Amino acid sequence: PESVGRAMTDIQQMGGDFSQPEIRGDMSVKSGS
């Protein structure tokens, strides 16, 4: 969860799209392209 912001920034800089993060256990899961 503490790395979600960095991951979202990285994906946006790549020109990608993603959905809202889902919490599964102790991990945050993002889906996109």
PDB file of all heavy atoms in Angstrom:
ATOM      1  N   PRO A   1       0.800  -1.235   0.000  1.00  0.00           N
ATOM      2  CA  PRO A   1       0.000   0.000   0.000  1.00  0.00           C
ATOM      3  C   PRO A   1       0.828   1.279   0.000  1.00  0.00           C
ATOM      4  O   PRO A   1       0.445   2.270  -0.593  1.00  0.00           O
ATOM      5  CB  PRO A   1      -0.844  -0.114   1.274  1.00  0.00           C
ATOM      6  CG  PRO A   1      -0.943  -1.572   1.538  1.00  0.00           C
ATOM      7  CD  PRO A   1       0.354  -2.162   1.047  1.00  0.00           C
ATOM      8  N   GLU A   2       1.995   1.269   0.629  1.00  0.00           N
ATOM      9  CA  GLU A   2       2.819   2.475   0.663  1.00  0.00           C
ATOM     10  C   GLU A   2       3.467   2.790  -0.692  1.00  0.00           C
ATOM     11  O   GLU A   2       3.983   3.881  -0.900  1.00  0.00           O
ATOM     12  CB  GLU A   2       3.896   2.378   1.760  1.00  0.00           C
ATOM     13  CG  GLU A   2       4.877   1.245   1.586  1.00  0.00           C
ATOM     14  CD  GLU A   2       4.426  -0.063   2.252  1.00  0.00           C
ATOM     15  OE1 GLU A   2       3.280  -0.147   2.726  1.00  0.00           O
ATOM     16  OE2 GLU A   2       5.237  -0.984   2.276  1.00  0.00           O
ATOM     17  N   SER A   3       3.426   1.859  -1.642  1.00  0.00           N
ATOM     18  CA  SER A   3       4.032   2.069  -2.965  1.00  0.00           C
ATOM     19  C   SER A   3       3.001   2.394  -4.045  1.00  0.00           C
ATOM     20  O   SER A   3       3.357   2.525  -5.217  1.00  0.00           O
ATOM     21  CB  SER A   3       4.819   0.828  -3.384  1.00  0.00           C
ATOM     22  OG  SER A   3       5.842   0.563  -2.463  1.00  0.00           O
ATOM     23  N   VAL A   4       1.722   2.489  -3.684  1.00  0.00           N
ATOM     24  CA  VAL A   4       0.662   2.718  -4.670  1.00  0.00           C
ATOM     25  C   VAL A   4       0.863   4.041  -5.411  1.00  0.00           C
ATOM     26  O   VAL A   4       0.747   4.109  -6.625  1.00  0.00           O
ATOM     27  CB  VAL A   4      -0.731   2.673  -4.004  1.00  0.00           C
ATOM     28  CG1 VAL A   4      -1.807   3.159  -4.954  1.00  0.00           C
ATOM     29  CG2 VAL A   4      -1.047   1.265  -3.556  1.00  0.00           C
ATOM     30  N   GLY A   5       1.174   5.112  -4.694  1.00  0.00           N
ATOM     31  CA  GLY A   5       1.365   6.426  -5.332  1.00  0.00           C
ATOM     32  C   GLY A   5       2.462   6.397  -6.370  1.00  0.00           C
ATOM     33  O   GLY A   5       2.314   6.924  -7.466  1.00  0.00           O
ATOM     34  N   ARG A   6       3.589   5.770  -6.035  1.00  0.00           N
ATOM     35  CA  ARG A   6       4.720   5.677  -6.968  1.00  0.00           C
ATOM     36  C   ARG A   6       4.330   4.859  -8.197  1.00  0.00           C
ATOM     37  O   ARG A   6       4.637   5.224  -9.334  1.00  0.00           O
ATOM     38  CB  ARG A   6       5.918   5.053  -6.250  1.00  0.00           C
ATOM     39  CG  ARG A   6       7.082   4.729  -7.145  1.00  0.00           C
ATOM     40  CD  ARG A   6       7.742   6.002  -7.688  1.00  0.00           C
ATOM     41  NE  ARG A   6       8.693   5.727  -8.717  1.00  0.00           N
ATOM     42  CZ  ARG A   6       9.994   5.641  -8.533  1.00  0.00           C
ATOM     43  NH1 ARG A   6      10.494   5.835  -7.336  1.00  0.00           N
ATOM     44  NH2 ARG A   6      10.784   5.379  -9.543  1.00  0.00           N
ATOM     45  N   ALA A   7       3.615   3.749  -7.977  1.00  0.00           N
ATOM     46  CA  ALA A   7       3.201   2.902  -9.095  1.00  0.00           C
ATOM     47  C   ALA A   7       2.253   3.658 -10.025  1.00  0.00           C
ATOM     48  O   ALA A   7       2.381   3.587 -11.251  1.00  0.00           O
ATOM     49  CB  ALA A   7       2.536   1.625  -8.576  1.00  0.00           C
ATOM     50  N   MET A   8       1.312   4.415  -9.455  1.00  0.00           N
ATOM     51  CA  MET A   8       0.364   5.180 -10.273  1.00  0.00           C
ATOM     52  C   MET A   8       1.106   6.225 -11.108  1.00  0.00           C
ATOM     53  O   MET A   8       0.821   6.407 -12.294  1.00  0.00           O
ATOM     54  CB  MET A   8      -0.678   5.854  -9.375  1.00  0.00           C
ATOM     55  CG  MET A   8      -1.642   4.874  -8.753  1.00  0.00           C
ATOM     56  SD  MET A   8      -2.703   5.558  -7.466  1.00  0.00           S
ATOM     57  CE  MET A   8      -3.535   6.862  -8.295  1.00  0.00           C
ATOM     58  N   THR A   9       2.076   6.904 -10.506  1.00  0.00           N
ATOM     59  CA  THR A   9       2.866   7.904 -11.233  1.00  0.00           C
ATOM     60  C   THR A   9       3.639   7.255 -12.370  1.00  0.00           C
ATOM     61  O   THR A   9       3.662   7.768 -13.491  1.00  0.00           O
ATOM     62  CB  THR A   9       3.834   8.613 -10.259  1.00  0.00           C
ATOM     63  OG1 THR A   9       3.079   9.229  -9.228  1.00  0.00           O
ATOM     64  CG2 THR A   9       4.670   9.649 -10.987  1.00  0.00           C
ATOM     65  N   ASP A  10       4.271   6.116 -12.094  1.00  0.00           N
ATOM     66  CA  ASP A  10       5.033   5.414 -13.126  1.00  0.00           C
ATOM     67  C   ASP A  10       4.143   5.008 -14.299  1.00  0.00           C
ATOM     68  O   ASP A  10       4.503   5.186 -15.468  1.00  0.00           O
ATOM     69  CB  ASP A  10       5.714   4.170 -12.553  1.00  0.00           C
ATOM     70  CG  ASP A  10       6.868   4.492 -11.622  1.00  0.00           C
ATOM     71  OD1 ASP A  10       7.315   5.669 -11.609  1.00  0.00           O
ATOM     72  OD2 ASP A  10       7.324   3.579 -10.914  1.00  0.00           O
ATOM     73  N   ILE A  11       2.972   4.477 -14.014  1.00  0.00           N
ATOM     74  CA  ILE A  11       2.053   4.026 -15.071  1.00  0.00           C
ATOM     75  C   ILE A  11       1.569   5.220 -15.893  1.00  0.00           C
ATOM     76  O   ILE A  11       1.511   5.152 -17.121  1.00  0.00           O
ATOM     77  CB  ILE A  11       0.870   3.240 -14.463  1.00  0.00           C
ATOM     78  CG1 ILE A  11       1.376   1.925 -13.866  1.00  0.00           C
ATOM     79  CG2 ILE A  11      -0.198   2.974 -15.515  1.00  0.00           C
ATOM     80  CD1 ILE A  11       0.379   1.226 -12.965  1.00  0.00           C
ATOM     81  N   GLN A  12       1.242   6.324 -15.235  1.00  0.00           N
ATOM     82  CA  GLN A  12       0.808   7.519 -15.958  1.00  0.00           C
ATOM     83  C   GLN A  12       1.921   8.049 -16.854  1.00  0.00           C
ATOM     84  O   GLN A  12       1.666   8.468 -17.988  1.00  0.00           O
ATOM     85  CB  GLN A  12       0.355   8.601 -14.988  1.00  0.00           C
ATOM     86  CG  GLN A  12      -0.978   8.310 -14.353  1.00  0.00           C
ATOM     87  CD  GLN A  12      -1.363   9.322 -13.288  1.00  0.00           C
ATOM     88  OE1 GLN A  12      -0.512   9.931 -12.664  1.00  0.00           O
ATOM     89  NE2 GLN A  12      -2.660   9.499 -13.099  1.00  0.00           N
ATOM     90  N   GLN A  13       3.155   8.040 -16.386  1.00  0.00           N
ATOM     91  CA  GLN A  13       4.276   8.521 -17.195  1.00  0.00           C
ATOM     92  C   GLN A  13       4.529   7.630 -18.408  1.00  0.00           C
ATOM     93  O   GLN A  13       5.066   8.078 -19.406  1.00  0.00           O
ATOM     94  CB  GLN A  13       5.543   8.642 -16.349  1.00  0.00           C
ATOM     95  CG  GLN A  13       5.488   9.796 -15.372  1.00  0.00           C
ATOM     96  CD  GLN A  13       6.705   9.873 -14.462  1.00  0.00           C
ATOM     97  OE1 GLN A  13       7.464   8.926 -14.335  1.00  0.00           O
ATOM     98  NE2 GLN A  13       6.867  11.019 -13.835  1.00  0.00           N
ATOM     99  N   MET A  14       4.127   6.365 -18.320  1.00  0.00           N
ATOM    100  CA  MET A  14       4.267   5.447 -19.455  1.00  0.00           C
ATOM    101  C   MET A  14       3.122   5.594 -20.446  1.00  0.00           C
ATOM    102  O   MET A  14       3.099   4.932 -21.472  1.00  0.00           O
ATOM    103  CB  MET A  14       4.306   4.007 -18.957  1.00  0.00           C
ATOM    104  CG  MET A  14       5.557   3.640 -18.227  1.00  0.00           C
ATOM    105  SD  MET A  14       5.600   1.898 -17.816  1.00  0.00           S
ATOM    106  CE  MET A  14       4.825   1.883 -16.227  1.00  0.00           C
ATOM    107  N   GLY A  15       2.138   6.430 -20.132  1.00  0.00           N
ATOM    108  CA  GLY A  15       0.983   6.584 -21.008  1.00  0.00           C
ATOM    109  C   GLY A  15      -0.064   5.510 -20.793  1.00  0.00           C
ATOM    110  O   GLY A  15      -0.916   5.277 -21.644  1.00  0.00           O
ATOM    111  N   GLY A  16      -0.012   4.851 -19.659  1.00  0.00           N
ATOM    112  CA  GLY A  16      -0.946   3.776 -19.371  1.00  0.00           C
ATOM    113  C   GLY A  16      -2.190   4.245 -18.643  1.00  0.00           C
ATOM    114  O   GLY A  16      -2.280   5.386 -18.185  1.00  0.00           O
ATOM    115  N   ASP A  17      -3.149   3.353 -18.540  1.00  0.00           N
ATOM    116  CA  ASP A  17      -4.391   3.583 -17.813  1.00  0.00           C
ATOM    117  C   ASP A  17      -4.522   2.503 -16.750  1.00  0.00           C
ATOM    118  O   ASP A  17      -4.022   1.391 -16.928  1.00  0.00           O
ATOM    119  CB  ASP A  17      -5.601   3.480 -18.748  1.00  0.00           C
ATOM    120  CG  ASP A  17      -5.617   4.576 -19.803  1.00  0.00           C
ATOM    121  OD1 ASP A  17      -5.345   5.728 -19.443  1.00  0.00           O
ATOM    122  OD2 ASP A  17      -5.909   4.263 -20.967  1.00  0.00           O
ATOM    123  N   PHE A  18      -5.230   2.815 -15.677  1.00  0.00           N
ATOM    124  CA  PHE A  18      -5.401   1.838 -14.621  1.00  0.00           C
ATOM    125  C   PHE A  18      -6.699   2.089 -13.871  1.00  0.00           C
ATOM    126  O   PHE A  18      -7.276   3.165 -13.944  1.00  0.00           O
ATOM    127  CB  PHE A  18      -4.221   1.849 -13.644  1.00  0.00           C
ATOM    128  CG  PHE A  18      -3.882   3.222 -13.144  1.00  0.00           C
ATOM    129  CD1 PHE A  18      -4.535   3.766 -12.055  1.00  0.00           C
ATOM    130  CD2 PHE A  18      -2.922   3.977 -13.791  1.00  0.00           C
ATOM    131  CE1 PHE A  18      -4.227   5.032 -11.606  1.00  0.00           C
ATOM    132  CE2 PHE A  18      -2.609   5.250 -13.343  1.00  0.00           C
ATOM    133  CZ  PHE A  18      -3.261   5.778 -12.251  1.00  0.00           C
ATOM    134  N   SER A  19      -7.131   1.060 -13.147  1.00  0.00           N
ATOM    135  CA  SER A  19      -8.353   1.163 -12.339  1.00  0.00           C
ATOM    136  C   SER A  19      -7.979   1.555 -10.913  1.00  0.00           C
ATOM    137  O   SER A  19      -6.805   1.617 -10.559  1.00  0.00           O
ATOM    138  CB  SER A  19      -9.075  -0.179 -12.343  1.00  0.00           C
ATOM    139  OG  SER A  19      -8.239  -1.161 -11.735  1.00  0.00           O
ATOM    140  N   GLN A  20      -8.988   1.763 -10.094  1.00  0.00           N
ATOM    141  CA  GLN A  20      -8.745   2.048  -8.680  1.00  0.00           C
ATOM    142  C   GLN A  20      -8.102   0.824  -8.024  1.00  0.00           C
ATOM    143  O   GLN A  20      -8.445  -0.312  -8.349  1.00  0.00           O
ATOM    144  CB  GLN A  20     -10.072   2.365  -7.973  1.00  0.00           C
ATOM    145  CG  GLN A  20     -10.675   3.689  -8.358  1.00  0.00           C
ATOM    146  CD  GLN A  20      -9.822   4.856  -7.881  1.00  0.00           C
ATOM    147  OE1 GLN A  20      -9.187   4.793  -6.839  1.00  0.00           O
ATOM    148  NE2 GLN A  20      -9.779   5.911  -8.667  1.00  0.00           N
ATOM    149  N   PRO A  21      -7.168   1.045  -7.112  1.00  0.00           N
ATOM    150  CA  PRO A  21      -6.522  -0.098  -6.455  1.00  0.00           C
ATOM    151  C   PRO A  21      -7.507  -0.878  -5.578  1.00  0.00           C
ATOM    152  O   PRO A  21      -8.408  -0.300  -4.982  1.00  0.00           O
ATOM    153  CB  PRO A  21      -5.427   0.534  -5.599  1.00  0.00           C
ATOM    154  CG  PRO A  21      -5.564   1.995  -5.712  1.00  0.00           C
ATOM    155  CD  PRO A  21      -6.641   2.323  -6.685  1.00  0.00           C
ATOM    156  N   GLU A  22      -7.320  -2.174  -5.561  1.00  0.00           N
ATOM    157  CA  GLU A  22      -8.092  -3.050  -4.676  1.00  0.00           C
ATOM    158  C   GLU A  22      -7.139  -3.557  -3.594  1.00  0.00           C
ATOM    159  O   GLU A  22      -5.985  -3.837  -3.876  1.00  0.00           O
ATOM    160  CB  GLU A  22      -8.629  -4.262  -5.451  1.00  0.00           C
ATOM    161  CG  GLU A  22      -9.555  -3.930  -6.591  1.00  0.00           C
ATOM    162  CD  GLU A  22      -9.914  -5.188  -7.384  1.00  0.00           C
ATOM    163  OE1 GLU A  22      -9.892  -6.298  -6.806  1.00  0.00           O
ATOM    164  OE2 GLU A  22     -10.193  -5.051  -8.578  1.00  0.00           O
ATOM    165  N   ILE A  23      -7.622  -3.682  -2.402  1.00  0.00           N
ATOM    166  CA  ILE A  23      -6.808  -4.215  -1.319  1.00  0.00           C
ATOM    167  C   ILE A  23      -7.089  -5.706  -1.186  1.00  0.00           C
ATOM    168  O   ILE A  23      -8.236  -6.125  -1.016  1.00  0.00           O
ATOM    169  CB  ILE A  23      -7.106  -3.497   0.020  1.00  0.00           C
ATOM    170  CG1 ILE A  23      -6.910  -1.989  -0.125  1.00  0.00           C
ATOM    171  CG2 ILE A  23      -6.260  -4.070   1.152  1.00  0.00           C
ATOM    172  CD1 ILE A  23      -5.504  -1.568  -0.475  1.00  0.00           C
ATOM    173  N   ARG A  24      -6.039  -6.504  -1.297  1.00  0.00           N
ATOM    174  CA  ARG A  24      -6.147  -7.963  -1.128  1.00  0.00           C
ATOM    175  C   ARG A  24      -5.106  -8.374  -0.091  1.00  0.00           C
ATOM    176  O   ARG A  24      -3.919  -8.435  -0.408  1.00  0.00           O
ATOM    177  CB  ARG A  24      -5.890  -8.690  -2.440  1.00  0.00           C
ATOM    178  CG  ARG A  24      -6.970  -8.465  -3.463  1.00  0.00           C
ATOM    179  CD  ARG A  24      -6.786  -9.378  -4.650  1.00  0.00           C
ATOM    180  NE  ARG A  24      -7.653  -8.965  -5.728  1.00  0.00           N
ATOM    181  CZ  ARG A  24      -7.427  -9.240  -6.999  1.00  0.00           C
ATOM    182  NH1 ARG A  24      -6.362  -9.931  -7.350  1.00  0.00           N
ATOM    183  NH2 ARG A  24      -8.270  -8.828  -7.927  1.00  0.00           N
ATOM    184  N   GLY A  25      -5.576  -8.638   1.086  1.00  0.00           N
ATOM    185  CA  GLY A  25      -4.650  -8.987   2.164  1.00  0.00           C
ATOM    186  C   GLY A  25      -3.787  -7.785   2.509  1.00  0.00           C
ATOM    187  O   GLY A  25      -4.284  -6.712   2.805  1.00  0.00           O
ATOM    188  N   ASP A  26      -2.483  -7.981   2.425  1.00  0.00           N
ATOM    189  CA  ASP A  26      -1.565  -6.880   2.733  1.00  0.00           C
ATOM    190  C   ASP A  26      -0.994  -6.239   1.463  1.00  0.00           C
ATOM    191  O   ASP A  26      -0.023  -5.494   1.533  1.00  0.00           O
ATOM    192  CB  ASP A  26      -0.428  -7.375   3.628  1.00  0.00           C
ATOM    193  CG  ASP A  26       0.397  -8.474   2.974  1.00  0.00           C
ATOM    194  OD1 ASP A  26      -0.066  -9.046   1.957  1.00  0.00           O
ATOM    195  OD2 ASP A  26       1.507  -8.753   3.468  1.00  0.00           O
ATOM    196  N   MET A  27      -1.599  -6.498   0.324  1.00  0.00           N
ATOM    197  CA  MET A  27      -1.121  -5.934  -0.953  1.00  0.00           C
ATOM    198  C   MET A  27      -2.235  -5.123  -1.624  1.00  0.00           C
ATOM    199  O   MET A  27      -3.416  -5.382  -1.433  1.00  0.00           O
ATOM    200  CB  MET A  27      -0.685  -7.047  -1.912  1.00  0.00           C
ATOM    201  CG  MET A  27       0.493  -7.863  -1.411  1.00  0.00           C
ATOM    202  SD  MET A  27       1.982  -6.895  -1.234  1.00  0.00           S
ATOM    203  CE  MET A  27       2.642  -7.024  -2.854  1.00  0.00           C
ATOM    204  N   SER A  28      -1.816  -4.165  -2.421  1.00  0.00           N
ATOM    205  CA  SER A  28      -2.736  -3.365  -3.225  1.00  0.00           C
ATOM    206  C   SER A  28      -2.591  -3.828  -4.672  1.00  0.00           C
ATOM    207  O   SER A  28      -1.473  -3.938  -5.182  1.00  0.00           O
ATOM    208  CB  SER A  28      -2.380  -1.885  -3.090  1.00  0.00           C
ATOM    209  OG  SER A  28      -3.239  -1.113  -3.874  1.00  0.00           O
ATOM    210  N   VAL A  29      -3.708  -4.105  -5.346  1.00  0.00           N
ATOM    211  CA  VAL A  29      -3.685  -4.639  -6.711  1.00  0.00           C
ATOM    212  C   VAL A  29      -4.278  -3.608  -7.661  1.00  0.00           C
ATOM    213  O   VAL A  29      -5.388  -3.120  -7.451  1.00  0.00           O
ATOM    214  CB  VAL A  29      -4.477  -5.967  -6.808  1.00  0.00           C
ATOM    215  CG1 VAL A  29      -4.459  -6.507  -8.220  1.00  0.00           C
ATOM    216  CG2 VAL A  29      -3.920  -6.986  -5.833  1.00  0.00           C
ATOM    217  N   LYS A  30      -3.520  -3.279  -8.708  1.00  0.00           N
ATOM    218  CA  LYS A  30      -3.978  -2.348  -9.750  1.00  0.00           C
ATOM    219  C   LYS A  30      -4.054  -3.119 -11.055  1.00  0.00           C
ATOM    220  O   LYS A  30      -3.149  -3.856 -11.397  1.00  0.00           O
ATOM    221  CB  LYS A  30      -2.999  -1.195  -9.931  1.00  0.00           C
ATOM    222  CG  LYS A  30      -2.874  -0.343  -8.690  1.00  0.00           C
ATOM    223  CD  LYS A  30      -2.146   0.928  -8.979  1.00  0.00           C
ATOM    224  CE  LYS A  30      -2.970   1.961  -9.624  1.00  0.00           C
ATOM    225  NZ  LYS A  30      -4.283   2.239  -9.157  1.00  0.00           N
ATOM    226  N   SER A  31      -5.144  -2.913 -11.813  1.00  0.00           N
ATOM    227  CA  SER A  31      -5.288  -3.496 -13.149  1.00  0.00           C
ATOM    228  C   SER A  31      -5.277  -2.369 -14.150  1.00  0.00           C
ATOM    229  O   SER A  31      -5.748  -1.263 -13.865  1.00  0.00           O
ATOM    230  CB  SER A  31      -6.617  -4.248 -13.265  1.00  0.00           C
ATOM    231  OG  SER A  31      -6.664  -5.280 -12.319  1.00  0.00           O
ATOM    232  N   GLY A  32      -4.744  -2.623 -15.338  1.00  0.00           N
ATOM    233  CA  GLY A  32      -4.726  -1.584 -16.352  1.00  0.00           C
ATOM    234  C   GLY A  32      -4.074  -2.039 -17.630  1.00  0.00           C
ATOM    235  O   GLY A  32      -3.880  -3.234 -17.862  1.00  0.00           O
ATOM    236  N   SER A  33      -3.697  -1.067 -18.458  1.00  0.00           N
ATOM    237  CA  SER A  33      -3.019  -1.350 -19.722  1.00  0.00           C
ATOM    238  C   SER A  33      -2.024  -0.240 -20.010  1.00  0.00           C
ATOM    239  O   SER A  33      -2.194   0.896 -19.559  1.00  0.00           O
ATOM    240  CB  SER A  33      -4.027  -1.474 -20.869  1.00  0.00           C
ATOM    241  OG  SER A  33      -4.735  -0.261 -21.028  1.00  0.00           O
TER     242      SER A  33
END
